[in-house]
Amino acid sequence: MDGTTKLLGISTFARRVGLAPSALRFYDDCRVLRPAWVDGATGYRFYSPAQEAPCRSAAQSARSGTAAG
């Protein structure tokens, strides 16, 4: 991480995309949507605003029962 990109914590990002943080953790575990950066010391996940559209697409695919990715 170079410090030039504004990253969002999982709760803030989840609110922006209309999902629960647990859904984002599930998507990470399934390798559907990986965080932009994970703090190695705490395990906290951080997301880039550029990930909003792909996240919404993954969520829509999950809701409709189609494969994402």
PDB file of N, CA and C in Angstrom:
ATOM      1  N   MET A   1       0.865  -1.182   0.000  1.00  0.00           N
ATOM      2  CA  MET A   1       0.000   0.000   0.000  1.00  0.00           C
ATOM      3  C   MET A   1       0.898   1.227   0.000  1.00  0.00           C
ATOM      4  N   ASP A   2       0.657   2.139  -0.916  1.00  0.00           N
ATOM      5  CA  ASP A   2       1.549   3.286  -1.065  1.00  0.00           C
ATOM      6  C   ASP A   2       1.071   4.547  -0.362  1.00  0.00           C
ATOM      7  N   GLY A   3      -0.089   4.526   0.248  1.00  0.00           N
ATOM      8  CA  GLY A   3      -0.580   5.673   0.987  1.00  0.00           C
ATOM      9  C   GLY A   3      -1.264   6.738   0.139  1.00  0.00           C
ATOM     10  N   THR A   4      -1.326   6.542  -1.183  1.00  0.00           N
ATOM     11  CA  THR A   4      -1.954   7.545  -2.036  1.00  0.00           C
ATOM     12  C   THR A   4      -3.424   7.247  -2.292  1.00  0.00           C
ATOM     13  N   THR A   5      -3.860   6.039  -2.028  1.00  0.00           N
ATOM     14  CA  THR A   5      -5.236   5.644  -2.271  1.00  0.00           C
ATOM     15  C   THR A   5      -6.009   5.655  -0.961  1.00  0.00           C
ATOM     16  N   LYS A   6      -7.164   6.282  -0.958  1.00  0.00           N
ATOM     17  CA  LYS A   6      -8.014   6.322   0.230  1.00  0.00           C
ATOM     18  C   LYS A   6      -8.751   4.990   0.325  1.00  0.00           C
ATOM     19  N   LEU A   7      -8.418   4.212   1.342  1.00  0.00           N
ATOM     20  CA  LEU A   7      -9.073   2.935   1.543  1.00  0.00           C
ATOM     21  C   LEU A   7     -10.140   3.065   2.623  1.00  0.00           C
ATOM     22  N   LEU A   8     -11.152   2.229   2.517  1.00  0.00           N
ATOM     23  CA  LEU A   8     -12.287   2.246   3.435  1.00  0.00           C
ATOM     24  C   LEU A   8     -12.265   0.990   4.283  1.00  0.00           C
ATOM     25  N   GLY A   9     -12.548   1.140   5.557  1.00  0.00           N
ATOM     26  CA  GLY A   9     -12.695  -0.023   6.419  1.00  0.00           C
ATOM     27  C   GLY A   9     -13.903  -0.836   5.977  1.00  0.00           C
ATOM     28  N   ILE A  10     -13.956  -2.072   6.427  1.00  0.00           N
ATOM     29  CA  ILE A  10     -14.998  -2.980   5.972  1.00  0.00           C
ATOM     30  C   ILE A  10     -16.406  -2.465   6.299  1.00  0.00           C
ATOM     31  N   SER A  11     -16.611  -1.867   7.465  1.00  0.00           N
ATOM     32  CA  SER A  11     -17.947  -1.378   7.829  1.00  0.00           C
ATOM     33  C   SER A  11     -18.386  -0.224   6.945  1.00  0.00           C
ATOM     34  N   THR A  12     -17.477   0.710   6.694  1.00  0.00           N
ATOM     35  CA  THR A  12     -17.799   1.850   5.836  1.00  0.00           C
ATOM     36  C   THR A  12     -18.086   1.378   4.416  1.00  0.00           C
ATOM     37  N   PHE A  13     -17.235   0.498   3.909  1.00  0.00           N
ATOM     38  CA  PHE A  13     -17.426  -0.016   2.554  1.00  0.00           C
ATOM     39  C   PHE A  13     -18.740  -0.794   2.458  1.00  0.00           C
ATOM     40  N   ALA A  14     -19.040  -1.608   3.460  1.00  0.00           N
ATOM     41  CA  ALA A  14     -20.278  -2.391   3.462  1.00  0.00           C
ATOM     42  C   ALA A  14     -21.508  -1.482   3.389  1.00  0.00           C
ATOM     43  N   ARG A  15     -21.498  -0.387   4.158  1.00  0.00           N
ATOM     44  CA  ARG A  15     -22.624   0.561   4.104  1.00  0.00           C
ATOM     45  C   ARG A  15     -22.759   1.164   2.714  1.00  0.00           C
ATOM     46  N   ARG A  16     -21.635   1.493   2.091  1.00  0.00           N
ATOM     47  CA  ARG A  16     -21.670   2.127   0.765  1.00  0.00           C
ATOM     48  C   ARG A  16     -22.242   1.210  -0.303  1.00  0.00           C
ATOM     49  N   VAL A  17     -22.012  -0.106  -0.153  1.00  0.00           N
ATOM     50  CA  VAL A  17     -22.486  -1.033  -1.182  1.00  0.00           C
ATOM     51  C   VAL A  17     -23.757  -1.779  -0.771  1.00  0.00           C
ATOM     52  N   GLY A  18     -24.244  -1.518   0.435  1.00  0.00           N
ATOM     53  CA  GLY A  18     -25.503  -2.113   0.875  1.00  0.00           C
ATOM     54  C   GLY A  18     -25.406  -3.571   1.289  1.00  0.00           C
ATOM     55  N   LEU A  19     -24.253  -3.978   1.808  1.00  0.00           N
ATOM     56  CA  LEU A  19     -24.067  -5.347   2.285  1.00  0.00           C
ATOM     57  C   LEU A  19     -23.646  -5.338   3.748  1.00  0.00           C
ATOM     58  N   ALA A  20     -23.770  -6.469   4.385  1.00  0.00           N
ATOM     59  CA  ALA A  20     -23.260  -6.632   5.737  1.00  0.00           C
ATOM     60  C   ALA A  20     -21.761  -6.918   5.669  1.00  0.00           C
ATOM     61  N   PRO A  21     -21.011  -6.469   6.666  1.00  0.00           N
ATOM     62  CA  PRO A  21     -19.584  -6.818   6.701  1.00  0.00           C
ATOM     63  C   PRO A  21     -19.347  -8.332   6.624  1.00  0.00           C
ATOM     64  N   SER A  22     -20.249  -9.106   7.206  1.00  0.00           N
ATOM     65  CA  SER A  22     -20.092 -10.565   7.146  1.00  0.00           C
ATOM     66  C   SER A  22     -20.166 -11.074   5.705  1.00  0.00           C
ATOM     67  N   ALA A  23     -20.970 -10.423   4.870  1.00  0.00           N
ATOM     68  CA  ALA A  23     -21.037 -10.810   3.455  1.00  0.00           C
ATOM     69  C   ALA A  23     -19.704 -10.535   2.766  1.00  0.00           C
ATOM     70  N   LEU A  24     -19.081  -9.404   3.090  1.00  0.00           N
ATOM     71  CA  LEU A  24     -17.781  -9.092   2.499  1.00  0.00           C
ATOM     72  C   LEU A  24     -16.725 -10.086   2.966  1.00  0.00           C
ATOM     73  N   ARG A  25     -16.774 -10.478   4.236  1.00  0.00           N
ATOM     74  CA  ARG A  25     -15.828 -11.490   4.715  1.00  0.00           C
ATOM     75  C   ARG A  25     -16.059 -12.817   3.996  1.00  0.00           C
ATOM     76  N   PHE A  26     -17.321 -13.169   3.765  1.00  0.00           N
ATOM     77  CA  PHE A  26     -17.647 -14.387   3.026  1.00  0.00           C
ATOM     78  C   PHE A  26     -17.106 -14.310   1.598  1.00  0.00           C
ATOM     79  N   TYR A  27     -17.316 -13.183   0.921  1.00  0.00           N
ATOM     80  CA  TYR A  27     -16.803 -13.017  -0.442  1.00  0.00           C
ATOM     81  C   TYR A  27     -15.276 -13.120  -0.468  1.00  0.00           C
ATOM     82  N   ASP A  28     -14.619 -12.610   0.557  1.00  0.00           N
ATOM     83  CA  ASP A  28     -13.170 -12.728   0.649  1.00  0.00           C
ATOM     84  C   ASP A  28     -12.782 -14.198   0.823  1.00  0.00           C
ATOM     85  N   ASP A  29     -13.436 -14.891   1.740  1.00  0.00           N
ATOM     86  CA  ASP A  29     -13.129 -16.302   1.989  1.00  0.00           C
ATOM     87  C   ASP A  29     -13.321 -17.158   0.733  1.00  0.00           C
ATOM     88  N   CYS A  30     -14.318 -16.806  -0.073  1.00  0.00           N
ATOM     89  CA  CYS A  30     -14.603 -17.541  -1.309  1.00  0.00           C
ATOM     90  C   CYS A  30     -13.789 -17.033  -2.501  1.00  0.00           C
ATOM     91  N   ARG A  31     -12.984 -16.018  -2.263  1.00  0.00           N
ATOM     92  CA  ARG A  31     -12.146 -15.397  -3.303  1.00  0.00           C
ATOM     93  C   ARG A  31     -12.968 -14.764  -4.435  1.00  0.00           C
ATOM     94  N   VAL A  32     -14.167 -14.314  -4.088  1.00  0.00           N
ATOM     95  CA  VAL A  32     -15.011 -13.625  -5.059  1.00  0.00           C
ATOM     96  C   VAL A  32     -14.637 -12.151  -5.134  1.00  0.00           C
ATOM     97  N   LEU A  33     -14.429 -11.541  -3.981  1.00  0.00           N
ATOM     98  CA  LEU A  33     -14.028 -10.134  -3.916  1.00  0.00           C
ATOM     99  C   LEU A  33     -13.025  -9.987  -2.784  1.00  0.00           C
ATOM    100  N   ARG A  34     -11.767  -9.836  -3.135  1.00  0.00           N
ATOM    101  CA  ARG A  34     -10.699  -9.713  -2.148  1.00  0.00           C
ATOM    102  C   ARG A  34     -10.542  -8.260  -1.741  1.00  0.00           C
ATOM    103  N   PRO A  35     -10.219  -7.978  -0.479  1.00  0.00           N
ATOM    104  CA  PRO A  35      -9.962  -6.602  -0.058  1.00  0.00           C
ATOM    105  C   PRO A  35      -8.752  -6.039  -0.809  1.00  0.00           C
ATOM    106  N   ALA A  36      -8.700  -4.730  -0.916  1.00  0.00           N
ATOM    107  CA  ALA A  36      -7.548  -4.083  -1.542  1.00  0.00           C
ATOM    108  C   ALA A  36      -6.308  -4.261  -0.682  1.00  0.00           C
ATOM    109  N   TRP A  37      -6.505  -4.317   0.645  1.00  0.00           N
ATOM    110  CA  TRP A  37      -5.374  -4.469   1.563  1.00  0.00           C
ATOM    111  C   TRP A  37      -5.874  -5.069   2.864  1.00  0.00           C
ATOM    112  N   VAL A  38      -5.091  -5.946   3.429  1.00  0.00           N
ATOM    113  CA  VAL A  38      -5.396  -6.518   4.741  1.00  0.00           C
ATOM    114  C   VAL A  38      -4.227  -6.198   5.654  1.00  0.00           C
ATOM    115  N   ASP A  39      -4.527  -5.613   6.799  1.00  0.00           N
ATOM    116  CA  ASP A  39      -3.498  -5.298   7.786  1.00  0.00           C
ATOM    117  C   ASP A  39      -2.967  -6.616   8.352  1.00  0.00           C
ATOM    118  N   GLY A  40      -1.692  -6.861   8.165  1.00  0.00           N
ATOM    119  CA  GLY A  40      -1.092  -8.105   8.614  1.00  0.00           C
ATOM    120  C   GLY A  40      -1.114  -8.294  10.118  1.00  0.00           C
ATOM    121  N   ALA A  41      -1.101  -7.213  10.871  1.00  0.00           N
ATOM    122  CA  ALA A  41      -1.085  -7.303  12.334  1.00  0.00           C
ATOM    123  C   ALA A  41      -2.466  -7.554  12.921  1.00  0.00           C
ATOM    124  N   THR A  42      -3.490  -6.943  12.331  1.00  0.00           N
ATOM    125  CA  THR A  42      -4.834  -7.028  12.910  1.00  0.00           C
ATOM    126  C   THR A  42      -5.792  -7.899  12.104  1.00  0.00           C
ATOM    127  N   GLY A  43      -5.491  -8.109  10.825  1.00  0.00           N
ATOM    128  CA  GLY A  43      -6.400  -8.843   9.956  1.00  0.00           C
ATOM    129  C   GLY A  43      -7.539  -7.988   9.419  1.00  0.00           C
ATOM    130  N   TYR A  44      -7.548  -6.689   9.767  1.00  0.00           N
ATOM    131  CA  TYR A  44      -8.611  -5.806   9.282  1.00  0.00           C
ATOM    132  C   TYR A  44      -8.533  -5.704   7.763  1.00  0.00           C
ATOM    133  N   ARG A  45      -9.702  -5.723   7.141  1.00  0.00           N
ATOM    134  CA  ARG A  45      -9.801  -5.639   5.697  1.00  0.00           C
ATOM    135  C   ARG A  45     -10.120  -4.201   5.297  1.00  0.00           C
ATOM    136  N   PHE A  46      -9.492  -3.760   4.216  1.00  0.00           N
ATOM    137  CA  PHE A  46      -9.725  -2.421   3.676  1.00  0.00           C
ATOM    138  C   PHE A  46     -10.026  -2.537   2.188  1.00  0.00           C
ATOM    139  N   TYR A  47     -10.962  -1.711   1.733  1.00  0.00           N
ATOM    140  CA  TYR A  47     -11.432  -1.759   0.350  1.00  0.00           C
ATOM    141  C   TYR A  47     -11.231  -0.413  -0.320  1.00  0.00           C
ATOM    142  N   SER A  48     -11.012  -0.461  -1.612  1.00  0.00           N
ATOM    143  CA  SER A  48     -10.868   0.734  -2.425  1.00  0.00           C
ATOM    144  C   SER A  48     -12.240   1.158  -2.948  1.00  0.00           C
ATOM    145  N   PRO A  49     -12.491   2.455  -3.066  1.00  0.00           N
ATOM    146  CA  PRO A  49     -13.749   2.888  -3.676  1.00  0.00           C
ATOM    147  C   PRO A  49     -13.940   2.307  -5.086  1.00  0.00           C
ATOM    148  N   ALA A  50     -12.856   2.007  -5.784  1.00  0.00           N
ATOM    149  CA  ALA A  50     -12.948   1.417  -7.125  1.00  0.00           C
ATOM    150  C   ALA A  50     -13.546   0.011  -7.093  1.00  0.00           C
ATOM    151  N   GLN A  51     -13.619  -0.606  -5.928  1.00  0.00           N
ATOM    152  CA  GLN A  51     -14.182  -1.947  -5.806  1.00  0.00           C
ATOM    153  C   GLN A  51     -15.701  -1.949  -5.638  1.00  0.00           C
ATOM    154  N   GLU A  52     -16.310  -0.785  -5.561  1.00  0.00           N
ATOM    155  CA  GLU A  52     -17.760  -0.724  -5.340  1.00  0.00           C
ATOM    156  C   GLU A  52     -18.546  -1.385  -6.455  1.00  0.00           C
ATOM    157  N   ALA A  53     -18.245  -1.074  -7.706  1.00  0.00           N
ATOM    158  CA  ALA A  53     -19.002  -1.655  -8.828  1.00  0.00           C
ATOM    159  C   ALA A  53     -18.839  -3.175  -8.888  1.00  0.00           C
ATOM    160  N   PRO A  54     -17.609  -3.710  -8.801  1.00  0.00           N
ATOM    161  CA  PRO A  54     -17.488  -5.169  -8.802  1.00  0.00           C
ATOM    162  C   PRO A  54     -18.198  -5.830  -7.618  1.00  0.00           C
ATOM    163  N   CYS A  55     -18.197  -5.165  -6.489  1.00  0.00           N
ATOM    164  CA  CYS A  55     -18.876  -5.708  -5.315  1.00  0.00           C
ATOM    165  C   CYS A  55     -20.384  -5.767  -5.546  1.00  0.00           C
ATOM    166  N   ARG A  56     -20.929  -4.699  -6.090  1.00  0.00           N
ATOM    167  CA  ARG A  56     -22.372  -4.691  -6.371  1.00  0.00           C
ATOM    168  C   ARG A  56     -22.729  -5.765  -7.390  1.00  0.00           C
ATOM    169  N   SER A  57     -21.868  -5.985  -8.379  1.00  0.00           N
ATOM    170  CA  SER A  57     -22.101  -7.037  -9.376  1.00  0.00           C
ATOM    171  C   SER A  57     -22.088  -8.413  -8.724  1.00  0.00           C
ATOM    172  N   ALA A  58     -21.134  -8.656  -7.837  1.00  0.00           N
ATOM    173  CA  ALA A  58     -21.054  -9.942  -7.135  1.00  0.00           C
ATOM    174  C   ALA A  58     -22.289 -10.159  -6.268  1.00  0.00           C
ATOM    175  N   ALA A  59     -22.723  -9.116  -5.575  1.00  0.00           N
ATOM    176  CA  ALA A  59     -23.900  -9.219  -4.724  1.00  0.00           C
ATOM    177  C   ALA A  59     -25.153  -9.486  -5.556  1.00  0.00           C
ATOM    178  N   GLN A  60     -25.272  -8.815  -6.686  1.00  0.00           N
ATOM    179  CA  GLN A  60     -26.428  -9.019  -7.560  1.00  0.00           C
ATOM    180  C   GLN A  60     -26.435 -10.442  -8.109  1.00  0.00           C
ATOM    181  N   SER A  61     -25.264 -10.945  -8.491  1.00  0.00           N
ATOM    182  CA  SER A  61     -25.160 -12.318  -8.982  1.00  0.00           C
ATOM    183  C   SER A  61     -25.565 -13.309  -7.899  1.00  0.00           C
ATOM    184  N   ALA A  62     -25.140 -13.052  -6.679  1.00  0.00           N
ATOM    185  CA  ALA A  62     -25.497 -13.943  -5.565  1.00  0.00           C
ATOM    186  C   ALA A  62     -27.000 -13.926  -5.325  1.00  0.00           C
ATOM    187  N   ARG A  63     -27.594 -12.729  -5.396  1.00  0.00           N
ATOM    188  CA  ARG A  63     -29.045 -12.621  -5.170  1.00  0.00           C
ATOM    189  C   ARG A  63     -29.844 -13.323  -6.272  1.00  0.00           C
ATOM    190  N   SER A  64     -29.327 -13.271  -7.504  1.00  0.00           N
ATOM    191  CA  SER A  64     -30.066 -13.860  -8.620  1.00  0.00           C
ATOM    192  C   SER A  64     -29.728 -15.328  -8.821  1.00  0.00           C
ATOM    193  N   GLY A  65     -28.718 -15.829  -8.098  1.00  0.00           N
ATOM    194  CA  GLY A  65     -28.364 -17.234  -8.187  1.00  0.00           C
ATOM    195  C   GLY A  65     -27.444 -17.576  -9.335  1.00  0.00           C
ATOM    196  N   THR A  66     -26.837 -16.567  -9.947  1.00  0.00           N
ATOM    197  CA  THR A  66     -25.882 -16.833 -11.031  1.00  0.00           C
ATOM    198  C   THR A  66     -24.466 -16.751 -10.497  1.00  0.00           C
ATOM    199  N   ALA A  67     -23.557 -17.337 -11.217  1.00  0.00           N
ATOM    200  CA  ALA A  67     -22.146 -17.334 -10.788  1.00  0.00           C
ATOM    201  C   ALA A  67     -21.538 -15.969 -10.975  1.00  0.00           C
ATOM    202  N   ALA A  68     -20.716 -15.564 -10.027  1.00  0.00           N
ATOM    203  CA  ALA A  68     -19.984 -14.305 -10.128  1.00  0.00           C
ATOM    204  C   ALA A  68     -18.525 -14.615 -10.406  1.00  0.00           C
ATOM    205  N   GLY A  69     -17.857 -13.634 -11.001  1.00  0.00           N
ATOM    206  CA  GLY A  69     -16.433 -13.772 -11.183  1.00  0.00           C
ATOM    207  C   GLY A  69     -16.108 -14.069 -12.567  1.00  0.00           C
TER     208      GLY A  69
END
